[in-house]
Amino acid sequence: MSKAIAVASAKMDKDLKENTERIFKSMGLTATTAITLFYKAVSMQNKIPFEIVGDPFYSPENLKRLDKAIKDIEEGRLTKHELIEVDDE
């Protein structure tokens, strides 16, 4: 007995799609196979099968610092930006 087939579509950046499909091809996969693998992993694990980490730029600490800098500039207490060294983990 055959399974019913459904179509999933997604809009994305053209360059992202093309680059990713080149990588799939180098692995011997089609986009359909790779996306099916992703869906199966999500279904089996009941979660995204990899860690998703936010951009540290949007961390609460950095946003607080940015808000303070904006306020300082608006009130004339700061006229130039300080460079901050960030450790890459």
N, C-alpha and C. Protein backbone atom coordinates (compact mmCIF):
# COMPACT_ATOMS: atom_id res chain seq x y z
N MET A 1 0.84 -1.17 0.00
CA MET A 1 0.00 0.00 0.00
C MET A 1 0.89 1.24 0.00
N SER A 2 0.61 2.20 -0.88
CA SER A 2 1.42 3.41 -0.95
C SER A 2 0.93 4.45 0.05
N LYS A 3 1.86 5.30 0.45
CA LYS A 3 1.52 6.37 1.39
C LYS A 3 1.09 7.60 0.62
N ALA A 4 0.20 8.38 1.20
CA ALA A 4 -0.22 9.64 0.58
C ALA A 4 0.96 10.61 0.62
N ILE A 5 1.10 11.39 -0.42
CA ILE A 5 2.19 12.36 -0.54
C ILE A 5 1.62 13.76 -0.33
N ALA A 6 2.32 14.57 0.43
CA ALA A 6 1.95 15.96 0.64
C ALA A 6 3.11 16.85 0.20
N VAL A 7 2.80 18.06 -0.17
CA VAL A 7 3.81 19.02 -0.60
C VAL A 7 3.97 20.07 0.48
N ALA A 8 5.23 20.36 0.86
CA ALA A 8 5.53 21.45 1.79
C ALA A 8 6.33 22.48 1.00
N SER A 9 6.03 23.74 1.18
CA SER A 9 6.80 24.77 0.49
C SER A 9 7.23 25.82 1.50
N ALA A 10 8.35 26.45 1.20
CA ALA A 10 8.87 27.50 2.08
C ALA A 10 9.56 28.55 1.23
N LYS A 11 9.42 29.80 1.62
CA LYS A 11 10.13 30.88 0.95
C LYS A 11 11.41 31.16 1.71
N MET A 12 12.50 31.35 0.98
CA MET A 12 13.78 31.66 1.62
C MET A 12 14.66 32.43 0.66
N ASP A 13 15.74 32.94 1.18
CA ASP A 13 16.72 33.66 0.38
C ASP A 13 17.25 32.76 -0.73
N LYS A 14 17.29 33.27 -1.95
CA LYS A 14 17.72 32.49 -3.12
C LYS A 14 19.14 31.95 -2.95
N ASP A 15 20.07 32.79 -2.49
CA ASP A 15 21.46 32.34 -2.31
C ASP A 15 21.57 31.25 -1.26
N LEU A 16 20.80 31.38 -0.17
CA LEU A 16 20.80 30.35 0.87
C LEU A 16 20.33 29.02 0.28
N LYS A 17 19.24 29.06 -0.48
CA LYS A 17 18.69 27.85 -1.09
C LYS A 17 19.72 27.20 -2.02
N GLU A 18 20.31 28.00 -2.90
CA GLU A 18 21.26 27.45 -3.88
C GLU A 18 22.50 26.88 -3.21
N ASN A 19 23.05 27.60 -2.23
CA ASN A 19 24.24 27.13 -1.53
C ASN A 19 23.94 25.83 -0.78
N THR A 20 22.80 25.80 -0.09
CA THR A 20 22.44 24.61 0.68
C THR A 20 22.19 23.41 -0.23
N GLU A 21 21.56 23.64 -1.37
CA GLU A 21 21.32 22.54 -2.31
C GLU A 21 22.62 22.00 -2.90
N ARG A 22 23.63 22.87 -3.06
CA ARG A 22 24.97 22.39 -3.50
C ARG A 22 25.57 21.46 -2.44
N ILE A 23 25.39 21.82 -1.19
CA ILE A 23 25.90 20.99 -0.10
C ILE A 23 25.15 19.66 -0.06
N PHE A 24 23.82 19.71 -0.18
CA PHE A 24 23.04 18.47 -0.24
C PHE A 24 23.55 17.57 -1.36
N LYS A 25 23.77 18.16 -2.54
CA LYS A 25 24.23 17.39 -3.69
C LYS A 25 25.57 16.72 -3.40
N SER A 26 26.46 17.44 -2.72
CA SER A 26 27.78 16.87 -2.39
C SER A 26 27.64 15.69 -1.43
N MET A 27 26.52 15.63 -0.71
CA MET A 27 26.24 14.53 0.21
C MET A 27 25.42 13.42 -0.44
N GLY A 28 25.07 13.63 -1.72
CA GLY A 28 24.25 12.65 -2.42
C GLY A 28 22.77 12.77 -2.09
N LEU A 29 22.35 13.93 -1.62
CA LEU A 29 20.96 14.14 -1.23
C LEU A 29 20.29 15.15 -2.15
N THR A 30 19.00 14.99 -2.31
CA THR A 30 18.20 16.04 -2.94
C THR A 30 17.65 16.92 -1.82
N ALA A 31 17.13 18.08 -2.18
CA ALA A 31 16.51 18.94 -1.17
C ALA A 31 15.33 18.21 -0.53
N THR A 32 14.55 17.49 -1.34
CA THR A 32 13.41 16.75 -0.81
C THR A 32 13.85 15.72 0.23
N THR A 33 14.92 14.98 -0.07
CA THR A 33 15.40 13.97 0.87
C THR A 33 15.91 14.63 2.16
N ALA A 34 16.66 15.71 2.03
CA ALA A 34 17.20 16.39 3.20
C ALA A 34 16.09 16.95 4.07
N ILE A 35 15.09 17.55 3.45
CA ILE A 35 13.97 18.12 4.21
C ILE A 35 13.16 17.00 4.87
N THR A 36 12.99 15.90 4.15
CA THR A 36 12.28 14.74 4.73
C THR A 36 13.04 14.20 5.94
N LEU A 37 14.38 14.14 5.85
CA LEU A 37 15.19 13.70 6.99
C LEU A 37 14.98 14.63 8.18
N PHE A 38 14.95 15.93 7.93
CA PHE A 38 14.73 16.90 8.99
C PHE A 38 13.35 16.68 9.64
N TYR A 39 12.32 16.55 8.83
CA TYR A 39 10.97 16.33 9.35
C TYR A 39 10.91 15.05 10.17
N LYS A 40 11.54 13.98 9.68
CA LYS A 40 11.53 12.71 10.41
C LYS A 40 12.23 12.85 11.75
N ALA A 41 13.38 13.56 11.77
CA ALA A 41 14.10 13.75 13.03
C ALA A 41 13.26 14.54 14.03
N VAL A 42 12.60 15.59 13.57
CA VAL A 42 11.72 16.38 14.45
C VAL A 42 10.60 15.50 14.98
N SER A 43 10.00 14.71 14.10
CA SER A 43 8.90 13.84 14.49
C SER A 43 9.33 12.79 15.51
N MET A 44 10.50 12.19 15.30
CA MET A 44 10.97 11.14 16.21
C MET A 44 11.43 11.70 17.55
N GLN A 45 12.07 12.88 17.54
CA GLN A 45 12.64 13.44 18.76
C GLN A 45 11.69 14.42 19.45
N ASN A 46 10.65 14.82 18.75
CA ASN A 46 9.69 15.81 19.25
C ASN A 46 10.38 17.13 19.61
N LYS A 47 11.39 17.48 18.83
CA LYS A 47 12.11 18.75 19.02
C LYS A 47 12.95 19.01 17.77
N ILE A 48 13.47 20.22 17.66
CA ILE A 48 14.43 20.53 16.59
C ILE A 48 15.68 19.70 16.88
N PRO A 49 16.20 18.98 15.89
CA PRO A 49 17.29 18.03 16.15
C PRO A 49 18.69 18.65 16.27
N PHE A 50 18.76 19.91 16.55
CA PHE A 50 20.04 20.57 16.78
C PHE A 50 19.79 21.79 17.65
N GLU A 51 20.86 22.28 18.26
CA GLU A 51 20.73 23.43 19.15
C GLU A 51 20.59 24.71 18.34
N ILE A 52 19.67 25.55 18.74
CA ILE A 52 19.50 26.86 18.12
C ILE A 52 19.93 27.90 19.16
N VAL A 53 20.92 28.70 18.80
CA VAL A 53 21.48 29.67 19.73
C VAL A 53 21.23 31.07 19.20
N GLY A 54 20.78 31.95 20.07
CA GLY A 54 20.51 33.32 19.67
C GLY A 54 21.80 34.10 19.45
N ASP A 55 21.68 35.16 18.68
CA ASP A 55 22.80 36.06 18.42
C ASP A 55 23.12 36.82 19.71
N PRO A 56 24.37 36.76 20.19
CA PRO A 56 24.72 37.44 21.44
C PRO A 56 24.51 38.96 21.38
N PHE A 57 24.41 39.50 20.17
CA PHE A 57 24.14 40.93 20.05
C PHE A 57 22.84 41.30 20.75
N TYR A 58 21.87 40.38 20.73
CA TYR A 58 20.56 40.65 21.30
C TYR A 58 20.42 40.16 22.74
N SER A 59 21.53 39.85 23.39
CA SER A 59 21.46 39.41 24.78
C SER A 59 20.95 40.56 25.65
N PRO A 60 20.30 40.23 26.76
CA PRO A 60 19.79 41.29 27.65
C PRO A 60 20.89 42.26 28.10
N GLU A 61 22.09 41.73 28.37
CA GLU A 61 23.18 42.59 28.83
C GLU A 61 23.58 43.59 27.74
N ASN A 62 23.68 43.13 26.50
CA ASN A 62 24.09 44.02 25.42
C ASN A 62 23.00 45.03 25.10
N LEU A 63 21.75 44.59 25.11
CA LEU A 63 20.66 45.53 24.83
C LEU A 63 20.59 46.62 25.89
N LYS A 64 20.86 46.26 27.15
CA LYS A 64 20.88 47.25 28.22
C LYS A 64 22.00 48.27 27.98
N ARG A 65 23.18 47.77 27.58
CA ARG A 65 24.31 48.65 27.30
C ARG A 65 24.01 49.57 26.12
N LEU A 66 23.37 49.02 25.06
CA LEU A 66 23.02 49.83 23.90
C LEU A 66 22.00 50.90 24.27
N ASP A 67 20.99 50.54 25.07
CA ASP A 67 19.99 51.52 25.51
C ASP A 67 20.65 52.65 26.30
N LYS A 68 21.60 52.29 27.17
CA LYS A 68 22.30 53.31 27.95
C LYS A 68 23.12 54.22 27.04
N ALA A 69 23.81 53.63 26.05
CA ALA A 69 24.62 54.43 25.13
C ALA A 69 23.74 55.38 24.32
N ILE A 70 22.59 54.91 23.87
CA ILE A 70 21.67 55.78 23.12
C ILE A 70 21.21 56.94 23.99
N LYS A 71 20.85 56.63 25.23
CA LYS A 71 20.40 57.68 26.15
C LYS A 71 21.54 58.68 26.41
N ASP A 72 22.77 58.16 26.62
CA ASP A 72 23.92 59.03 26.86
C ASP A 72 24.19 59.94 25.66
N ILE A 73 24.07 59.40 24.45
CA ILE A 73 24.28 60.20 23.24
C ILE A 73 23.19 61.27 23.13
N GLU A 74 21.95 60.87 23.34
CA GLU A 74 20.83 61.81 23.24
C GLU A 74 20.95 62.93 24.26
N GLU A 75 21.51 62.63 25.42
CA GLU A 75 21.64 63.64 26.48
C GLU A 75 23.01 64.32 26.47
N GLY A 76 23.83 64.04 25.43
CA GLY A 76 25.10 64.73 25.26
C GLY A 76 26.24 64.24 26.14
N ARG A 77 26.08 63.12 26.83
CA ARG A 77 27.14 62.61 27.70
C ARG A 77 28.14 61.73 26.96
N LEU A 78 27.80 61.31 25.77
CA LEU A 78 28.68 60.41 25.02
C LEU A 78 28.65 60.85 23.56
N THR A 79 29.83 61.03 22.99
CA THR A 79 29.88 61.49 21.60
C THR A 79 30.57 60.50 20.68
N LYS A 80 31.20 59.47 21.24
CA LYS A 80 31.82 58.47 20.38
C LYS A 80 31.57 57.09 20.97
N HIS A 81 31.71 56.09 20.13
CA HIS A 81 31.45 54.70 20.51
C HIS A 81 32.71 54.07 21.09
N GLU A 82 32.55 53.34 22.18
CA GLU A 82 33.67 52.57 22.74
C GLU A 82 33.69 51.20 22.10
N LEU A 83 34.86 50.75 21.67
CA LEU A 83 34.98 49.39 21.16
C LEU A 83 35.06 48.43 22.33
N ILE A 84 34.38 47.31 22.21
CA ILE A 84 34.33 46.32 23.27
C ILE A 84 34.90 45.02 22.74
N GLU A 85 35.85 44.45 23.45
CA GLU A 85 36.39 43.14 23.08
C GLU A 85 35.42 42.07 23.53
N VAL A 86 35.13 41.12 22.64
CA VAL A 86 34.22 40.04 22.95
C VAL A 86 34.97 38.72 22.75
N ASP A 87 34.90 37.85 23.76
CA ASP A 87 35.53 36.54 23.63
C ASP A 87 34.62 35.64 22.82
N ASP A 88 35.16 35.07 21.73
CA ASP A 88 34.40 34.08 20.96
C ASP A 88 34.54 32.74 21.66
N GLU A 89 33.40 32.13 21.94
CA GLU A 89 33.43 30.84 22.63
C GLU A 89 33.36 29.72 21.66
